[in-house]
Amino acid sequence: MNSWSLVYDEFDPEKESLREALCTLGNGYFATRGAAPESEEGAVHYPGTYLAGGYNRLKTEIAGRVVENEDLVNMPNWLLTRFRPEEGDWFNIRRVDILYYRQELNMRVCLLS
């Protein structure tokens, strides 16, 4: 590992949300979380893309006052890739034996692999 890379050599479901956040890549207009392309939103993963200025403004009355909340909107997941072996089930990393796992964010070239 060098000072330009974040490297993960094991899959740890309890730390996936932090890893996905730390591996987010963006260009100032939009950013995509560092979720694996085959991951689906759920208890472990939270894939998503966020657009600068893409807020949902919701007004709520609380204790007689109107409060306006601005929440960043999770845009559609454009990375979704699903695959399965012939005659097999759709791939799910939590249902297979992991023989090797490595994810690396190279910040020098902005590449997540």
PDB file of N, CA and C in Angstrom:
ATOM      1  N   MET A   1       0.837  -1.178   0.000  1.00  0.00           N
ATOM      2  CA  MET A   1       0.000   0.000   0.000  1.00  0.00           C
ATOM      3  C   MET A   1       0.878   1.236   0.000  1.00  0.00           C
ATOM      4  N   ASN A   2       0.458   2.253  -0.768  1.00  0.00           N
ATOM      5  CA  ASN A   2       1.182   3.519  -0.746  1.00  0.00           C
ATOM      6  C   ASN A   2       0.262   4.615  -0.231  1.00  0.00           C
ATOM      7  N   SER A   3       0.787   5.818  -0.110  1.00  0.00           N
ATOM      8  CA  SER A   3       0.001   6.901   0.481  1.00  0.00           C
ATOM      9  C   SER A   3      -1.135   7.380  -0.422  1.00  0.00           C
ATOM     10  N   TRP A   4      -1.191   6.900  -1.675  1.00  0.00           N
ATOM     11  CA  TRP A   4      -2.250   7.296  -2.597  1.00  0.00           C
ATOM     12  C   TRP A   4      -3.378   6.278  -2.688  1.00  0.00           C
ATOM     13  N   SER A   5      -3.285   5.201  -1.937  1.00  0.00           N
ATOM     14  CA  SER A   5      -4.269   4.125  -2.085  1.00  0.00           C
ATOM     15  C   SER A   5      -4.905   3.727  -0.763  1.00  0.00           C
ATOM     16  N   LEU A   6      -6.173   3.365  -0.864  1.00  0.00           N
ATOM     17  CA  LEU A   6      -6.869   2.674   0.217  1.00  0.00           C
ATOM     18  C   LEU A   6      -7.075   1.253  -0.282  1.00  0.00           C
ATOM     19  N   VAL A   7      -6.642   0.271   0.489  1.00  0.00           N
ATOM     20  CA  VAL A   7      -6.735  -1.123   0.056  1.00  0.00           C
ATOM     21  C   VAL A   7      -7.485  -1.929   1.115  1.00  0.00           C
ATOM     22  N   TYR A   8      -8.430  -2.715   0.645  1.00  0.00           N
ATOM     23  CA  TYR A   8      -9.206  -3.596   1.511  1.00  0.00           C
ATOM     24  C   TYR A   8      -9.014  -5.020   1.005  1.00  0.00           C
ATOM     25  N   ASP A   9      -8.518  -5.904   1.888  1.00  0.00           N
ATOM     26  CA  ASP A   9      -8.223  -7.279   1.498  1.00  0.00           C
ATOM     27  C   ASP A   9      -9.207  -8.296   2.072  1.00  0.00           C
ATOM     28  N   GLU A  10     -10.294  -7.821   2.666  1.00  0.00           N
ATOM     29  CA  GLU A  10     -11.301  -8.750   3.160  1.00  0.00           C
ATOM     30  C   GLU A  10     -12.665  -8.093   3.095  1.00  0.00           C
ATOM     31  N   PHE A  11     -13.676  -8.923   2.981  1.00  0.00           N
ATOM     32  CA  PHE A  11     -15.051  -8.450   2.968  1.00  0.00           C
ATOM     33  C   PHE A  11     -15.573  -8.519   4.390  1.00  0.00           C
ATOM     34  N   ASP A  12     -15.926  -7.371   4.954  1.00  0.00           N
ATOM     35  CA  ASP A  12     -16.450  -7.295   6.313  1.00  0.00           C
ATOM     36  C   ASP A  12     -17.789  -6.568   6.265  1.00  0.00           C
ATOM     37  N   PRO A  13     -18.906  -7.300   6.306  1.00  0.00           N
ATOM     38  CA  PRO A  13     -20.226  -6.674   6.184  1.00  0.00           C
ATOM     39  C   PRO A  13     -20.459  -5.539   7.173  1.00  0.00           C
ATOM     40  N   GLU A  14     -19.910  -5.642   8.376  1.00  0.00           N
ATOM     41  CA  GLU A  14     -20.118  -4.601   9.381  1.00  0.00           C
ATOM     42  C   GLU A  14     -19.428  -3.292   9.020  1.00  0.00           C
ATOM     43  N   LYS A  15     -18.401  -3.336   8.172  1.00  0.00           N
ATOM     44  CA  LYS A  15     -17.650  -2.133   7.813  1.00  0.00           C
ATOM     45  C   LYS A  15     -17.907  -1.674   6.376  1.00  0.00           C
ATOM     46  N   GLU A  16     -18.826  -2.349   5.690  1.00  0.00           N
ATOM     47  CA  GLU A  16     -19.085  -2.018   4.283  1.00  0.00           C
ATOM     48  C   GLU A  16     -19.574  -0.582   4.088  1.00  0.00           C
ATOM     49  N   SER A  17     -20.459  -0.105   4.931  1.00  0.00           N
ATOM     50  CA  SER A  17     -20.994   1.248   4.727  1.00  0.00           C
ATOM     51  C   SER A  17     -19.892   2.292   4.858  1.00  0.00           C
ATOM     52  N   LEU A  18     -18.967   2.117   5.789  1.00  0.00           N
ATOM     53  CA  LEU A  18     -17.838   3.047   5.920  1.00  0.00           C
ATOM     54  C   LEU A  18     -16.928   2.950   4.701  1.00  0.00           C
ATOM     55  N   ARG A  19     -16.619   1.725   4.264  1.00  0.00           N
ATOM     56  CA  ARG A  19     -15.740   1.545   3.112  1.00  0.00           C
ATOM     57  C   ARG A  19     -16.365   2.161   1.868  1.00  0.00           C
ATOM     58  N   GLU A  20     -17.666   1.961   1.673  1.00  0.00           N
ATOM     59  CA  GLU A  20     -18.348   2.538   0.511  1.00  0.00           C
ATOM     60  C   GLU A  20     -18.288   4.061   0.548  1.00  0.00           C
ATOM     61  N   ALA A  21     -18.431   4.640   1.723  1.00  0.00           N
ATOM     62  CA  ALA A  21     -18.352   6.100   1.849  1.00  0.00           C
ATOM     63  C   ALA A  21     -16.935   6.595   1.566  1.00  0.00           C
ATOM     64  N   LEU A  22     -15.927   5.916   2.111  1.00  0.00           N
ATOM     65  CA  LEU A  22     -14.539   6.341   1.910  1.00  0.00           C
ATOM     66  C   LEU A  22     -14.079   6.170   0.466  1.00  0.00           C
ATOM     67  N   CYS A  23     -14.681   5.249  -0.261  1.00  0.00           N
ATOM     68  CA  CYS A  23     -14.289   4.989  -1.649  1.00  0.00           C
ATOM     69  C   CYS A  23     -15.193   5.705  -2.657  1.00  0.00           C
ATOM     70  N   THR A  24     -15.962   6.670  -2.220  1.00  0.00           N
ATOM     71  CA  THR A  24     -16.813   7.446  -3.123  1.00  0.00           C
ATOM     72  C   THR A  24     -15.950   8.259  -4.078  1.00  0.00           C
ATOM     73  N   LEU A  25     -16.322   8.261  -5.346  1.00  0.00           N
ATOM     74  CA  LEU A  25     -15.619   9.052  -6.363  1.00  0.00           C
ATOM     75  C   LEU A  25     -16.581  10.049  -6.984  1.00  0.00           C
ATOM     76  N   GLY A  26     -16.101  11.248  -7.224  1.00  0.00           N
ATOM     77  CA  GLY A  26     -16.937  12.275  -7.830  1.00  0.00           C
ATOM     78  C   GLY A  26     -16.090  13.299  -8.568  1.00  0.00           C
ATOM     79  N   ASN A  27     -16.781  14.191  -9.278  1.00  0.00           N
ATOM     80  CA  ASN A  27     -16.072  15.199 -10.060  1.00  0.00           C
ATOM     81  C   ASN A  27     -16.539  16.629  -9.768  1.00  0.00           C
ATOM     82  N   GLY A  28     -17.278  16.814  -8.698  1.00  0.00           N
ATOM     83  CA  GLY A  28     -17.797  18.131  -8.371  1.00  0.00           C
ATOM     84  C   GLY A  28     -19.225  18.338  -8.834  1.00  0.00           C
ATOM     85  N   TYR A  29     -19.685  17.529  -9.781  1.00  0.00           N
ATOM     86  CA  TYR A  29     -21.059  17.598 -10.269  1.00  0.00           C
ATOM     87  C   TYR A  29     -21.879  16.419  -9.758  1.00  0.00           C
ATOM     88  N   PHE A  30     -21.256  15.248  -9.747  1.00  0.00           N
ATOM     89  CA  PHE A  30     -21.921  14.090  -9.176  1.00  0.00           C
ATOM     90  C   PHE A  30     -20.877  13.181  -8.553  1.00  0.00           C
ATOM     91  N   ALA A  31     -21.324  12.325  -7.635  1.00  0.00           N
ATOM     92  CA  ALA A  31     -20.429  11.388  -6.962  1.00  0.00           C
ATOM     93  C   ALA A  31     -21.150  10.059  -6.821  1.00  0.00           C
ATOM     94  N   THR A  32     -20.385   8.988  -6.916  1.00  0.00           N
ATOM     95  CA  THR A  32     -20.930   7.643  -6.784  1.00  0.00           C
ATOM     96  C   THR A  32     -20.221   6.939  -5.634  1.00  0.00           C
ATOM     97  N   ARG A  33     -21.023   6.363  -4.739  1.00  0.00           N
ATOM     98  CA  ARG A  33     -20.448   5.637  -3.604  1.00  0.00           C
ATOM     99  C   ARG A  33     -19.634   4.448  -4.101  1.00  0.00           C
ATOM    100  N   GLY A  34     -18.672   4.045  -3.305  1.00  0.00           N
ATOM    101  CA  GLY A  34     -17.777   2.957  -3.669  1.00  0.00           C
ATOM    102  C   GLY A  34     -18.340   1.580  -3.411  1.00  0.00           C
ATOM    103  N   ALA A  35     -19.576   1.372  -3.768  1.00  0.00           N
ATOM    104  CA  ALA A  35     -20.210   0.062  -3.613  1.00  0.00           C
ATOM    105  C   ALA A  35     -19.839  -0.821  -4.806  1.00  0.00           C
ATOM    106  N   ALA A  36     -19.747  -2.097  -4.562  1.00  0.00           N
ATOM    107  CA  ALA A  36     -19.478  -3.036  -5.654  1.00  0.00           C
ATOM    108  C   ALA A  36     -20.630  -2.994  -6.652  1.00  0.00           C
ATOM    109  N   PRO A  37     -20.345  -3.122  -7.955  1.00  0.00           N
ATOM    110  CA  PRO A  37     -21.404  -3.031  -8.969  1.00  0.00           C
ATOM    111  C   PRO A  37     -22.528  -4.042  -8.794  1.00  0.00           C
ATOM    112  N   GLU A  38     -22.240  -5.178  -8.194  1.00  0.00           N
ATOM    113  CA  GLU A  38     -23.284  -6.206  -8.039  1.00  0.00           C
ATOM    114  C   GLU A  38     -24.069  -6.039  -6.739  1.00  0.00           C
ATOM    115  N   SER A  39     -23.720  -5.059  -5.926  1.00  0.00           N
ATOM    116  CA  SER A  39     -24.402  -4.905  -4.637  1.00  0.00           C
ATOM    117  C   SER A  39     -25.758  -4.230  -4.784  1.00  0.00           C
ATOM    118  N   GLU A  40     -26.657  -4.616  -3.901  1.00  0.00           N
ATOM    119  CA  GLU A  40     -28.005  -4.059  -3.869  1.00  0.00           C
ATOM    120  C   GLU A  40     -28.200  -3.357  -2.533  1.00  0.00           C
ATOM    121  N   GLU A  41     -29.044  -2.339  -2.529  1.00  0.00           N
ATOM    122  CA  GLU A  41     -29.325  -1.623  -1.288  1.00  0.00           C
ATOM    123  C   GLU A  41     -29.947  -2.564  -0.278  1.00  0.00           C
ATOM    124  N   GLY A  42     -29.466  -2.470   0.939  1.00  0.00           N
ATOM    125  CA  GLY A  42     -29.994  -3.318   2.002  1.00  0.00           C
ATOM    126  C   GLY A  42     -29.262  -3.032   3.297  1.00  0.00           C
ATOM    127  N   ALA A  43     -29.238  -4.017   4.183  1.00  0.00           N
ATOM    128  CA  ALA A  43     -28.611  -3.851   5.492  1.00  0.00           C
ATOM    129  C   ALA A  43     -27.100  -3.666   5.400  1.00  0.00           C
ATOM    130  N   VAL A  44     -26.468  -4.183   4.348  1.00  0.00           N
ATOM    131  CA  VAL A  44     -25.011  -4.118   4.228  1.00  0.00           C
ATOM    132  C   VAL A  44     -24.567  -3.023   3.264  1.00  0.00           C
ATOM    133  N   HIS A  45     -25.205  -2.917   2.128  1.00  0.00           N
ATOM    134  CA  HIS A  45     -24.769  -1.983   1.076  1.00  0.00           C
ATOM    135  C   HIS A  45     -25.733  -0.820   0.908  1.00  0.00           C
ATOM    136  N   TYR A  46     -25.168   0.299   0.452  1.00  0.00           N
ATOM    137  CA  TYR A  46     -26.001   1.457   0.131  1.00  0.00           C
ATOM    138  C   TYR A  46     -25.446   2.126  -1.129  1.00  0.00           C
ATOM    139  N   PRO A  47     -25.581   1.458  -2.293  1.00  0.00           N
ATOM    140  CA  PRO A  47     -25.068   2.055  -3.521  1.00  0.00           C
ATOM    141  C   PRO A  47     -25.883   3.286  -3.890  1.00  0.00           C
ATOM    142  N   GLY A  48     -25.240   4.229  -4.528  1.00  0.00           N
ATOM    143  CA  GLY A  48     -25.983   5.408  -4.956  1.00  0.00           C
ATOM    144  C   GLY A  48     -25.109   6.438  -5.615  1.00  0.00           C
ATOM    145  N   THR A  49     -25.751   7.311  -6.345  1.00  0.00           N
ATOM    146  CA  THR A  49     -25.100   8.429  -7.009  1.00  0.00           C
ATOM    147  C   THR A  49     -25.806   9.703  -6.571  1.00  0.00           C
ATOM    148  N   TYR A  50     -25.032  10.719  -6.317  1.00  0.00           N
ATOM    149  CA  TYR A  50     -25.566  11.983  -5.815  1.00  0.00           C
ATOM    150  C   TYR A  50     -25.181  13.108  -6.762  1.00  0.00           C
ATOM    151  N   LEU A  51     -26.127  13.973  -7.025  1.00  0.00           N
ATOM    152  CA  LEU A  51     -25.966  15.086  -7.949  1.00  0.00           C
ATOM    153  C   LEU A  51     -25.838  16.377  -7.159  1.00  0.00           C
ATOM    154  N   ALA A  52     -24.866  17.209  -7.497  1.00  0.00           N
ATOM    155  CA  ALA A  52     -24.716  18.503  -6.832  1.00  0.00           C
ATOM    156  C   ALA A  52     -26.006  19.294  -7.016  1.00  0.00           C
ATOM    157  N   GLY A  53     -26.551  19.787  -5.937  1.00  0.00           N
ATOM    158  CA  GLY A  53     -27.807  20.535  -5.997  1.00  0.00           C
ATOM    159  C   GLY A  53     -29.035  19.662  -6.062  1.00  0.00           C
ATOM    160  N   GLY A  54     -28.870  18.342  -6.015  1.00  0.00           N
ATOM    161  CA  GLY A  54     -30.006  17.418  -6.103  1.00  0.00           C
ATOM    162  C   GLY A  54     -30.609  17.185  -4.730  1.00  0.00           C
ATOM    163  N   TYR A  55     -31.334  18.161  -4.234  1.00  0.00           N
ATOM    164  CA  TYR A  55     -31.925  18.080  -2.907  1.00  0.00           C
ATOM    165  C   TYR A  55     -33.433  17.911  -2.973  1.00  0.00           C
ATOM    166  N   ASN A  56     -33.960  17.274  -1.960  1.00  0.00           N
ATOM    167  CA  ASN A  56     -35.395  17.177  -1.773  1.00  0.00           C
ATOM    168  C   ASN A  56     -35.730  18.091  -0.605  1.00  0.00           C
ATOM    169  N   ARG A  57     -36.491  19.127  -0.879  1.00  0.00           N
ATOM    170  CA  ARG A  57     -36.887  20.050   0.185  1.00  0.00           C
ATOM    171  C   ARG A  57     -38.264  19.652   0.685  1.00  0.00           C
ATOM    172  N   LEU A  58     -38.337  19.353   1.951  1.00  0.00           N
ATOM    173  CA  LEU A  58     -39.574  18.914   2.552  1.00  0.00           C
ATOM    174  C   LEU A  58     -39.867  19.799   3.754  1.00  0.00           C
ATOM    175  N   LYS A  59     -41.064  20.359   3.794  1.00  0.00           N
ATOM    176  CA  LYS A  59     -41.471  21.198   4.918  1.00  0.00           C
ATOM    177  C   LYS A  59     -42.295  20.353   5.878  1.00  0.00           C
ATOM    178  N   THR A  60     -41.949  20.443   7.162  1.00  0.00           N
ATOM    179  CA  THR A  60     -42.616  19.683   8.201  1.00  0.00           C
ATOM    180  C   THR A  60     -42.989  20.620   9.334  1.00  0.00           C
ATOM    181  N   GLU A  61     -44.186  20.461   9.843  1.00  0.00           N
ATOM    182  CA  GLU A  61     -44.586  21.271  10.996  1.00  0.00           C
ATOM    183  C   GLU A  61     -44.196  20.533  12.264  1.00  0.00           C
ATOM    184  N   ILE A  62     -43.399  21.213  13.094  1.00  0.00           N
ATOM    185  CA  ILE A  62     -42.935  20.639  14.354  1.00  0.00           C
ATOM    186  C   ILE A  62     -43.169  21.669  15.455  1.00  0.00           C
ATOM    187  N   ALA A  63     -43.928  21.314  16.444  1.00  0.00           N
ATOM    188  CA  ALA A  63     -44.215  22.195  17.585  1.00  0.00           C
ATOM    189  C   ALA A  63     -44.723  23.557  17.136  1.00  0.00           C
ATOM    190  N   GLY A  64     -45.592  23.573  16.135  1.00  0.00           N
ATOM    191  CA  GLY A  64     -46.185  24.821  15.677  1.00  0.00           C
ATOM    192  C   GLY A  64     -45.321  25.651  14.753  1.00  0.00           C
ATOM    193  N   ARG A  65     -44.133  25.161  14.418  1.00  0.00           N
ATOM    194  CA  ARG A  65     -43.240  25.867  13.491  1.00  0.00           C
ATOM    195  C   ARG A  65     -43.018  25.013  12.254  1.00  0.00           C
ATOM    196  N   VAL A  66     -42.866  25.655  11.104  1.00  0.00           N
ATOM    197  CA  VAL A  66     -42.578  24.938   9.867  1.00  0.00           C
ATOM    198  C   VAL A  66     -41.063  24.895   9.683  1.00  0.00           C
ATOM    199  N   VAL A  67     -40.548  23.695   9.604  1.00  0.00           N
ATOM    200  CA  VAL A  67     -39.114  23.477   9.421  1.00  0.00           C
ATOM    201  C   VAL A  67     -38.897  22.910   8.029  1.00  0.00           C
ATOM    202  N   GLU A  68     -37.953  23.472   7.287  1.00  0.00           N
ATOM    203  CA  GLU A  68     -37.654  22.975   5.943  1.00  0.00           C
ATOM    204  C   GLU A  68     -36.383  22.139   5.997  1.00  0.00           C
ATOM    205  N   ASN A  69     -36.492  20.891   5.572  1.00  0.00           N
ATOM    206  CA  ASN A  69     -35.347  19.973   5.526  1.00  0.00           C
ATOM    207  C   ASN A  69     -34.858  19.868   4.095  1.00  0.00           C
ATOM    208  N   GLU A  70     -33.560  19.862   3.936  1.00  0.00           N
ATOM    209  CA  GLU A  70     -32.959  19.634   2.621  1.00  0.00           C
ATOM    210  C   GLU A  70     -32.173  18.337   2.698  1.00  0.00           C
ATOM    211  N   ASP A  71     -32.670  17.309   2.044  1.00  0.00           N
ATOM    212  CA  ASP A  71     -32.003  16.011   2.031  1.00  0.00           C
ATOM    213  C   ASP A  71     -31.420  15.750   0.654  1.00  0.00           C
ATOM    214  N   LEU A  72     -30.177  15.298   0.633  1.00  0.00           N
ATOM    215  CA  LEU A  72     -29.530  14.944  -0.622  1.00  0.00           C
ATOM    216  C   LEU A  72     -30.237  13.725  -1.205  1.00  0.00           C
ATOM    217  N   VAL A  73     -30.629  13.793  -2.460  1.00  0.00           N
ATOM    218  CA  VAL A  73     -31.378  12.725  -3.109  1.00  0.00           C
ATOM    219  C   VAL A  73     -30.423  11.679  -3.680  1.00  0.00           C
ATOM    220  N   ASN A  74     -30.704  10.418  -3.394  1.00  0.00           N
ATOM    221  CA  ASN A  74     -29.942   9.307  -3.963  1.00  0.00           C
ATOM    222  C   ASN A  74     -30.499   9.049  -5.360  1.00  0.00           C
ATOM    223  N   MET A  75     -29.705   9.352  -6.389  1.00  0.00           N
ATOM    224  CA  MET A  75     -30.118   9.161  -7.772  1.00  0.00           C
ATOM    225  C   MET A  75     -30.075   7.658  -8.111  1.00  0.00           C
ATOM    226  N   PRO A  76     -30.598   7.248  -9.255  1.00  0.00           N
ATOM    227  CA  PRO A  76     -30.574   5.824  -9.621  1.00  0.00           C
ATOM    228  C   PRO A  76     -29.150   5.265  -9.667  1.00  0.00           C
ATOM    229  N   ASN A  77     -29.029   4.023  -9.286  1.00  0.00           N
ATOM    230  CA  ASN A  77     -27.746   3.330  -9.283  1.00  0.00           C
ATOM    231  C   ASN A  77     -27.394   2.912 -10.715  1.00  0.00           C
ATOM    232  N   TRP A  78     -26.494   3.621 -11.342  1.00  0.00           N
ATOM    233  CA  TRP A  78     -26.127   3.354 -12.735  1.00  0.00           C
ATOM    234  C   TRP A  78     -25.077   2.255 -12.848  1.00  0.00           C
ATOM    235  N   LEU A  79     -24.554   1.776 -11.736  1.00  0.00           N
ATOM    236  CA  LEU A  79     -23.504   0.754 -11.762  1.00  0.00           C
ATOM    237  C   LEU A  79     -24.013  -0.671 -11.726  1.00  0.00           C
ATOM    238  N   LEU A  80     -25.310  -0.854 -11.491  1.00  0.00           N
ATOM    239  CA  LEU A  80     -25.822  -2.190 -11.227  1.00  0.00           C
ATOM    240  C   LEU A  80     -25.439  -3.192 -12.309  1.00  0.00           C
ATOM    241  N   THR A  81     -24.730  -4.198 -11.875  1.00  0.00           N
ATOM    242  CA  THR A  81     -24.329  -5.305 -12.741  1.00  0.00           C
ATOM    243  C   THR A  81     -24.692  -6.590 -12.010  1.00  0.00           C
ATOM    244  N   ARG A  82     -25.486  -7.405 -12.638  1.00  0.00           N
ATOM    245  CA  ARG A  82     -25.854  -8.673 -12.023  1.00  0.00           C
ATOM    246  C   ARG A  82     -25.372  -9.803 -12.916  1.00  0.00           C
ATOM    247  N   PHE A  83     -24.935 -10.883 -12.294  1.00  0.00           N
ATOM    248  CA  PHE A  83     -24.482 -12.032 -13.075  1.00  0.00           C
ATOM    249  C   PHE A  83     -24.729 -13.303 -12.281  1.00  0.00           C
ATOM    250  N   ARG A  84     -24.755 -14.390 -13.018  1.00  0.00           N
ATOM    251  CA  ARG A  84     -24.906 -15.698 -12.393  1.00  0.00           C
ATOM    252  C   ARG A  84     -24.279 -16.734 -13.309  1.00  0.00           C
ATOM    253  N   PRO A  85     -23.768 -17.794 -12.706  1.00  0.00           N
ATOM    254  CA  PRO A  85     -23.259 -18.882 -13.540  1.00  0.00           C
ATOM    255  C   PRO A  85     -24.430 -19.583 -14.219  1.00  0.00           C
ATOM    256  N   GLU A  86     -24.169 -20.213 -15.325  1.00  0.00           N
ATOM    257  CA  GLU A  86     -25.223 -20.927 -16.036  1.00  0.00           C
ATOM    258  C   GLU A  86     -25.891 -21.918 -15.095  1.00  0.00           C
ATOM    259  N   GLU A  87     -27.221 -21.881 -15.064  1.00  0.00           N
ATOM    260  CA  GLU A  87     -28.031 -22.742 -14.205  1.00  0.00           C
ATOM    261  C   GLU A  87     -27.830 -22.468 -12.713  1.00  0.00           C
ATOM    262  N   GLY A  88     -27.185 -21.349 -12.365  1.00  0.00           N
ATOM    263  CA  GLY A  88     -26.948 -21.046 -10.953  1.00  0.00           C
ATOM    264  C   GLY A  88     -27.777 -19.883 -10.462  1.00  0.00           C
ATOM    265  N   ASP A  89     -27.539 -19.517  -9.211  1.00  0.00           N
ATOM    266  CA  ASP A  89     -28.225 -18.384  -8.609  1.00  0.00           C
ATOM    267  C   ASP A  89     -27.491 -17.089  -8.929  1.00  0.00           C
ATOM    268  N   TRP A  90     -28.206 -15.972  -8.822  1.00  0.00           N
ATOM    269  CA  TRP A  90     -27.580 -14.670  -9.001  1.00  0.00           C
ATOM    270  C   TRP A  90     -26.514 -14.494  -7.934  1.00  0.00           C
ATOM    271  N   PHE A  91     -25.395 -13.892  -8.316  1.00  0.00           N
ATOM    272  CA  PHE A  91     -24.263 -13.732  -7.408  1.00  0.00           C
ATOM    273  C   PHE A  91     -24.641 -12.848  -6.221  1.00  0.00           C
ATOM    274  N   ASN A  92     -24.282 -13.310  -5.037  1.00  0.00           N
ATOM    275  CA  ASN A  92     -24.441 -12.549  -3.804  1.00  0.00           C
ATOM    276  C   ASN A  92     -23.236 -12.889  -2.942  1.00  0.00           C
ATOM    277  N   ILE A  93     -22.392 -11.905  -2.663  1.00  0.00           N
ATOM    278  CA  ILE A  93     -21.134 -12.155  -1.952  1.00  0.00           C
ATOM    279  C   ILE A  93     -21.349 -12.756  -0.566  1.00  0.00           C
ATOM    280  N   ARG A  94     -22.511 -12.554   0.013  1.00  0.00           N
ATOM    281  CA  ARG A  94     -22.777 -13.093   1.341  1.00  0.00           C
ATOM    282  C   ARG A  94     -23.205 -14.554   1.306  1.00  0.00           C
ATOM    283  N   ARG A  95     -23.419 -15.106   0.103  1.00  0.00           N
ATOM    284  CA  ARG A  95     -23.857 -16.501  -0.015  1.00  0.00           C
ATOM    285  C   ARG A  95     -22.810 -17.402  -0.666  1.00  0.00           C
ATOM    286  N   VAL A  96     -21.592 -16.917  -0.792  1.00  0.00           N
ATOM    287  CA  VAL A  96     -20.538 -17.712  -1.428  1.00  0.00           C
ATOM    288  C   VAL A  96     -19.333 -17.805  -0.496  1.00  0.00           C
ATOM    289  N   ASP A  97     -18.466 -18.763  -0.771  1.00  0.00           N
ATOM    290  CA  ASP A  97     -17.188 -18.851  -0.062  1.00  0.00           C
ATOM    291  C   ASP A  97     -16.217 -17.917  -0.784  1.00  0.00           C
ATOM    292  N   ILE A  98     -15.679 -16.961  -0.074  1.00  0.00           N
ATOM    293  CA  ILE A  98     -14.761 -15.986  -0.666  1.00  0.00           C
ATOM    294  C   ILE A  98     -13.349 -16.550  -0.596  1.00  0.00           C
ATOM    295  N   LEU A  99     -12.763 -16.781  -1.763  1.00  0.00           N
ATOM    296  CA  LEU A  99     -11.397 -17.299  -1.823  1.00  0.00           C
ATOM    297  C   LEU A  99     -10.380 -16.168  -1.839  1.00  0.00           C
ATOM    298  N   TYR A 100     -10.738 -15.051  -2.448  1.00  0.00           N
ATOM    299  CA  TYR A 100      -9.837 -13.896  -2.533  1.00  0.00           C
ATOM    300  C   TYR A 100     -10.683 -12.646  -2.677  1.00  0.00           C
ATOM    301  N   TYR A 101     -10.317 -11.611  -1.953  1.00  0.00           N
ATOM    302  CA  TYR A 101     -11.057 -10.353  -2.022  1.00  0.00           C
ATOM    303  C   TYR A 101     -10.057  -9.214  -1.958  1.00  0.00           C
ATOM    304  N   ARG A 102     -10.206  -8.282  -2.855  1.00  0.00           N
ATOM    305  CA  ARG A 102      -9.358  -7.086  -2.818  1.00  0.00           C
ATOM    306  C   ARG A 102     -10.108  -5.948  -3.497  1.00  0.00           C
ATOM    307  N   GLN A 103     -10.140  -4.829  -2.823  1.00  0.00           N
ATOM    308  CA  GLN A 103     -10.682  -3.607  -3.407  1.00  0.00           C
ATOM    309  C   GLN A 103      -9.677  -2.509  -3.118  1.00  0.00           C
ATOM    310  N   GLU A 104      -9.376  -1.739  -4.157  1.00  0.00           N
ATOM    311  CA  GLU A 104      -8.386  -0.675  -4.010  1.00  0.00           C
ATOM    312  C   GLU A 104      -8.892   0.613  -4.633  1.00  0.00           C
ATOM    313  N   LEU A 105      -8.764   1.692  -3.870  1.00  0.00           N
ATOM    314  CA  LEU A 105      -9.044   3.026  -4.385  1.00  0.00           C
ATOM    315  C   LEU A 105      -7.700   3.706  -4.590  1.00  0.00           C
ATOM    316  N   ASN A 106      -7.344   3.927  -5.843  1.00  0.00           N
ATOM    317  CA  ASN A 106      -6.111   4.636  -6.184  1.00  0.00           C
ATOM    318  C   ASN A 106      -6.478   6.097  -6.399  1.00  0.00           C
ATOM    319  N   MET A 107      -6.153   6.926  -5.426  1.00  0.00           N
ATOM    320  CA  MET A 107      -6.541   8.334  -5.493  1.00  0.00           C
ATOM    321  C   MET A 107      -5.659   9.151  -6.437  1.00  0.00           C
ATOM    322  N   ARG A 108      -4.504   8.636  -6.810  1.00  0.00           N
ATOM    323  CA  ARG A 108      -3.653   9.340  -7.777  1.00  0.00           C
ATOM    324  C   ARG A 108      -4.315   9.396  -9.148  1.00  0.00           C
ATOM    325  N   VAL A 109      -4.988   8.296  -9.538  1.00  0.00           N
ATOM    326  CA  VAL A 109      -5.634   8.242 -10.852  1.00  0.00           C
ATOM    327  C   VAL A 109      -7.147   8.154 -10.761  1.00  0.00           C
ATOM    328  N   CYS A 110      -7.678   8.250  -9.536  1.00  0.00           N
ATOM    329  CA  CYS A 110      -9.143   8.189  -9.298  1.00  0.00           C
ATOM    330  C   CYS A 110      -9.758   6.928  -9.896  1.00  0.00           C
ATOM    331  N   LEU A 111      -9.247   5.789  -9.489  1.00  0.00           N
ATOM    332  CA  LEU A 111      -9.727   4.504  -9.991  1.00  0.00           C
ATOM    333  C   LEU A 111     -10.053   3.601  -8.815  1.00  0.00           C
ATOM    334  N   LEU A 112     -11.261   3.082  -8.812  1.00  0.00           N
ATOM    335  CA  LEU A 112     -11.671   2.103  -7.813  1.00  0.00           C
ATOM    336  C   LEU A 112     -11.732   0.761  -8.507  1.00  0.00           C
ATOM    337  N   SER A 113     -10.959  -0.196  -8.023  1.00  0.00           N
ATOM    338  CA  SER A 113     -10.945  -1.517  -8.650  1.00  0.00           C
ATOM    339  C   SER A 113     -11.078  -2.589  -7.577  1.00  0.00           C
TER     340      SER A 113
END
